[in-house]
Amino acid sequence: MELRTLLLVFGTVFLAELGDKTQIATMLYAIDKESNKILVFIGASLALISTSAIGVLFGNLISRAINPKYLTISAGILFVLVGCFT
């Protein structure tokens, strides 16, 4: 069950980030001939880890106050609205 959760989260976030402005910004840093590619990778990775940690912590706090069923429905509606808007 834990492997399923890991793969589901990985796949969802991977697809959501593919072609995202974060990836484009990272490519622009890597294009610079003077940049250290390893440091660009480490910096981008640490930024994504940090934002993901904030998401997990915030999600945990919200789930204590609001029923997870309502959060799931709200998140689904929000994703659809963002998709329609973009």
N, C-alpha and C. Protein backbone atom coordinates (compact mmCIF):
# COMPACT_ATOMS: atom_id res chain seq x y z
N MET A 1 0.82 -1.19 0.00
CA MET A 1 0.00 0.00 0.00
C MET A 1 0.87 1.26 0.00
N GLU A 2 1.98 1.24 0.75
CA GLU A 2 2.84 2.42 0.80
C GLU A 2 3.53 2.65 -0.54
N LEU A 3 3.90 1.57 -1.24
CA LEU A 3 4.51 1.71 -2.55
C LEU A 3 3.51 2.33 -3.53
N ARG A 4 2.26 1.95 -3.42
CA ARG A 4 1.21 2.51 -4.27
C ARG A 4 1.10 4.02 -4.04
N THR A 5 1.11 4.43 -2.78
CA THR A 5 1.04 5.86 -2.44
C THR A 5 2.25 6.59 -3.01
N LEU A 6 3.43 6.02 -2.83
CA LEU A 6 4.65 6.63 -3.36
C LEU A 6 4.58 6.81 -4.86
N LEU A 7 4.17 5.79 -5.56
CA LEU A 7 4.09 5.86 -7.03
C LEU A 7 3.00 6.82 -7.49
N LEU A 8 1.88 6.85 -6.80
CA LEU A 8 0.80 7.75 -7.15
C LEU A 8 1.23 9.21 -6.98
N VAL A 9 1.85 9.52 -5.86
CA VAL A 9 2.31 10.89 -5.62
C VAL A 9 3.40 11.26 -6.61
N PHE A 10 4.35 10.36 -6.83
CA PHE A 10 5.42 10.63 -7.79
C PHE A 10 4.85 10.91 -9.17
N GLY A 11 3.97 10.05 -9.64
CA GLY A 11 3.41 10.21 -10.98
C GLY A 11 2.61 11.50 -11.12
N THR A 12 1.81 11.81 -10.13
CA THR A 12 0.99 13.02 -10.18
C THR A 12 1.85 14.28 -10.18
N VAL A 13 2.80 14.35 -9.27
CA VAL A 13 3.66 15.54 -9.19
C VAL A 13 4.56 15.62 -10.42
N PHE A 14 5.09 14.50 -10.86
CA PHE A 14 5.96 14.48 -12.05
C PHE A 14 5.21 15.04 -13.26
N LEU A 15 4.01 14.56 -13.49
CA LEU A 15 3.23 15.04 -14.64
C LEU A 15 2.84 16.50 -14.48
N ALA A 16 2.52 16.91 -13.26
CA ALA A 16 2.12 18.30 -13.02
C ALA A 16 3.29 19.25 -13.24
N GLU A 17 4.49 18.82 -12.92
CA GLU A 17 5.67 19.69 -13.02
C GLU A 17 6.29 19.67 -14.42
N LEU A 18 5.97 18.67 -15.22
CA LEU A 18 6.56 18.55 -16.56
C LEU A 18 6.16 19.76 -17.40
N GLY A 19 7.14 20.50 -17.89
CA GLY A 19 6.86 21.67 -18.70
C GLY A 19 6.39 22.86 -17.90
N ASP A 20 6.45 22.77 -16.60
CA ASP A 20 6.02 23.83 -15.69
C ASP A 20 7.05 24.96 -15.71
N LYS A 21 6.65 26.12 -15.24
CA LYS A 21 7.57 27.26 -15.22
C LYS A 21 8.80 26.98 -14.37
N THR A 22 8.68 26.12 -13.37
CA THR A 22 9.84 25.74 -12.56
C THR A 22 10.87 25.01 -13.41
N GLN A 23 10.40 24.10 -14.24
CA GLN A 23 11.30 23.35 -15.10
C GLN A 23 11.95 24.27 -16.13
N ILE A 24 11.18 25.20 -16.66
CA ILE A 24 11.72 26.15 -17.64
C ILE A 24 12.78 27.04 -16.99
N ALA A 25 12.51 27.51 -15.77
CA ALA A 25 13.49 28.34 -15.06
C ALA A 25 14.77 27.55 -14.80
N THR A 26 14.63 26.30 -14.41
CA THR A 26 15.81 25.45 -14.16
C THR A 26 16.60 25.25 -15.44
N MET A 27 15.92 25.04 -16.56
CA MET A 27 16.61 24.90 -17.85
C MET A 27 17.37 26.17 -18.20
N LEU A 28 16.76 27.32 -17.93
CA LEU A 28 17.43 28.58 -18.24
C LEU A 28 18.71 28.75 -17.42
N TYR A 29 18.67 28.35 -16.15
CA TYR A 29 19.89 28.39 -15.34
C TYR A 29 20.94 27.42 -15.88
N ALA A 30 20.51 26.25 -16.31
CA ALA A 30 21.44 25.24 -16.81
C ALA A 30 22.02 25.61 -18.18
N ILE A 31 21.32 26.43 -18.94
CA ILE A 31 21.81 26.85 -20.26
C ILE A 31 23.07 27.69 -20.15
N ASP A 32 23.15 28.49 -19.08
CA ASP A 32 24.31 29.36 -18.87
C ASP A 32 25.58 28.53 -18.83
N LYS A 33 26.52 28.80 -19.73
CA LYS A 33 27.76 28.02 -19.81
C LYS A 33 28.60 28.16 -18.55
N GLU A 34 28.42 29.25 -17.82
CA GLU A 34 29.21 29.49 -16.61
C GLU A 34 28.63 28.77 -15.40
N SER A 35 27.40 28.28 -15.49
CA SER A 35 26.76 27.69 -14.32
C SER A 35 27.28 26.27 -14.07
N ASN A 36 27.36 25.94 -12.81
CA ASN A 36 27.71 24.59 -12.39
C ASN A 36 26.41 23.77 -12.42
N LYS A 37 26.34 22.82 -13.33
CA LYS A 37 25.10 22.06 -13.54
C LYS A 37 24.67 21.29 -12.29
N ILE A 38 25.64 20.78 -11.56
CA ILE A 38 25.32 20.05 -10.32
C ILE A 38 24.66 21.00 -9.31
N LEU A 39 25.20 22.23 -9.19
CA LEU A 39 24.61 23.19 -8.25
C LEU A 39 23.22 23.63 -8.70
N VAL A 40 23.01 23.74 -10.02
CA VAL A 40 21.66 24.06 -10.53
C VAL A 40 20.71 22.94 -10.14
N PHE A 41 21.14 21.70 -10.33
CA PHE A 41 20.30 20.55 -9.98
C PHE A 41 20.02 20.52 -8.48
N ILE A 42 21.04 20.71 -7.67
CA ILE A 42 20.86 20.67 -6.22
C ILE A 42 19.95 21.81 -5.76
N GLY A 43 20.16 23.02 -6.29
CA GLY A 43 19.32 24.15 -5.91
C GLY A 43 17.86 23.93 -6.27
N ALA A 44 17.61 23.44 -7.51
CA ALA A 44 16.24 23.18 -7.94
C ALA A 44 15.61 22.06 -7.11
N SER A 45 16.40 21.03 -6.82
CA SER A 45 15.89 19.90 -6.02
C SER A 45 15.52 20.35 -4.61
N LEU A 46 16.39 21.14 -3.99
CA LEU A 46 16.11 21.63 -2.64
C LEU A 46 14.87 22.52 -2.62
N ALA A 47 14.70 23.32 -3.66
CA ALA A 47 13.51 24.18 -3.73
C ALA A 47 12.24 23.33 -3.84
N LEU A 48 12.27 22.30 -4.69
CA LEU A 48 11.09 21.43 -4.84
C LEU A 48 10.82 20.64 -3.57
N ILE A 49 11.88 20.18 -2.91
CA ILE A 49 11.70 19.46 -1.65
C ILE A 49 11.08 20.39 -0.61
N SER A 50 11.56 21.63 -0.55
CA SER A 50 11.04 22.59 0.43
C SER A 50 9.57 22.89 0.20
N THR A 51 9.20 23.14 -1.05
CA THR A 51 7.79 23.44 -1.33
C THR A 51 6.91 22.23 -1.09
N SER A 52 7.43 21.04 -1.37
CA SER A 52 6.66 19.82 -1.09
C SER A 52 6.49 19.63 0.41
N ALA A 53 7.53 19.92 1.19
CA ALA A 53 7.43 19.81 2.65
C ALA A 53 6.37 20.76 3.19
N ILE A 54 6.33 21.97 2.65
CA ILE A 54 5.30 22.93 3.07
C ILE A 54 3.91 22.37 2.74
N GLY A 55 3.77 21.79 1.56
CA GLY A 55 2.48 21.20 1.17
C GLY A 55 2.06 20.07 2.09
N VAL A 56 2.99 19.21 2.45
CA VAL A 56 2.67 18.09 3.35
C VAL A 56 2.30 18.61 4.73
N LEU A 57 3.08 19.53 5.25
CA LEU A 57 2.78 20.07 6.59
C LEU A 57 1.45 20.81 6.61
N PHE A 58 1.22 21.64 5.60
CA PHE A 58 -0.03 22.39 5.53
C PHE A 58 -1.22 21.44 5.35
N GLY A 59 -1.06 20.43 4.50
CA GLY A 59 -2.12 19.45 4.31
C GLY A 59 -2.44 18.70 5.58
N ASN A 60 -1.41 18.37 6.34
CA ASN A 60 -1.61 17.68 7.62
C ASN A 60 -2.38 18.56 8.60
N LEU A 61 -2.03 19.84 8.67
CA LEU A 61 -2.73 20.76 9.57
C LEU A 61 -4.19 20.95 9.16
N ILE A 62 -4.43 21.11 7.87
CA ILE A 62 -5.80 21.30 7.38
C ILE A 62 -6.65 20.06 7.64
N SER A 63 -6.04 18.87 7.45
CA SER A 63 -6.81 17.63 7.61
C SER A 63 -7.26 17.42 9.05
N ARG A 64 -6.60 18.07 10.00
CA ARG A 64 -7.02 17.96 11.40
C ARG A 64 -8.26 18.81 11.68
N ALA A 65 -8.46 19.84 10.87
CA ALA A 65 -9.59 20.75 11.10
C ALA A 65 -10.78 20.47 10.18
N ILE A 66 -10.51 19.90 9.01
CA ILE A 66 -11.57 19.68 8.02
C ILE A 66 -11.57 18.20 7.63
N ASN A 67 -12.73 17.65 7.44
CA ASN A 67 -12.89 16.25 7.03
C ASN A 67 -12.15 16.02 5.71
N PRO A 68 -11.25 15.01 5.66
CA PRO A 68 -10.49 14.73 4.43
C PRO A 68 -11.38 14.49 3.20
N LYS A 69 -12.58 13.97 3.41
CA LYS A 69 -13.49 13.74 2.28
C LYS A 69 -13.83 15.08 1.61
N TYR A 70 -14.12 16.09 2.42
CA TYR A 70 -14.45 17.42 1.87
C TYR A 70 -13.23 18.07 1.24
N LEU A 71 -12.06 17.81 1.81
CA LEU A 71 -10.83 18.35 1.22
C LEU A 71 -10.57 17.74 -0.15
N THR A 72 -10.81 16.43 -0.27
CA THR A 72 -10.60 15.75 -1.55
C THR A 72 -11.55 16.30 -2.61
N ILE A 73 -12.80 16.47 -2.26
CA ILE A 73 -13.79 17.02 -3.19
C ILE A 73 -13.41 18.45 -3.58
N SER A 74 -13.04 19.25 -2.59
CA SER A 74 -12.65 20.64 -2.86
C SER A 74 -11.42 20.71 -3.75
N ALA A 75 -10.43 19.86 -3.48
CA ALA A 75 -9.21 19.85 -4.29
C ALA A 75 -9.53 19.45 -5.73
N GLY A 76 -10.41 18.46 -5.90
CA GLY A 76 -10.80 18.04 -7.25
C GLY A 76 -11.47 19.16 -8.01
N ILE A 77 -12.37 19.85 -7.36
CA ILE A 77 -13.06 20.98 -8.00
C ILE A 77 -12.06 22.08 -8.35
N LEU A 78 -11.15 22.35 -7.43
CA LEU A 78 -10.13 23.39 -7.66
C LEU A 78 -9.24 23.03 -8.85
N PHE A 79 -8.82 21.78 -8.95
CA PHE A 79 -8.01 21.34 -10.08
C PHE A 79 -8.75 21.50 -11.39
N VAL A 80 -10.02 21.14 -11.41
CA VAL A 80 -10.82 21.28 -12.63
C VAL A 80 -10.94 22.76 -13.01
N LEU A 81 -11.22 23.61 -12.03
CA LEU A 81 -11.34 25.04 -12.30
C LEU A 81 -10.03 25.64 -12.83
N VAL A 82 -8.92 25.26 -12.21
CA VAL A 82 -7.62 25.75 -12.68
C VAL A 82 -7.36 25.24 -14.09
N GLY A 83 -7.69 23.99 -14.35
CA GLY A 83 -7.52 23.44 -15.70
C GLY A 83 -8.36 24.17 -16.73
N CYS A 84 -9.59 24.48 -16.38
CA CYS A 84 -10.45 25.23 -17.30
C CYS A 84 -9.94 26.65 -17.51
N PHE A 85 -9.45 27.25 -16.45
CA PHE A 85 -8.97 28.63 -16.53
C PHE A 85 -7.71 28.72 -17.39
N THR A 86 -6.84 27.74 -17.25
CA THR A 86 -5.58 27.78 -18.01
C THR A 86 -5.78 27.19 -19.38
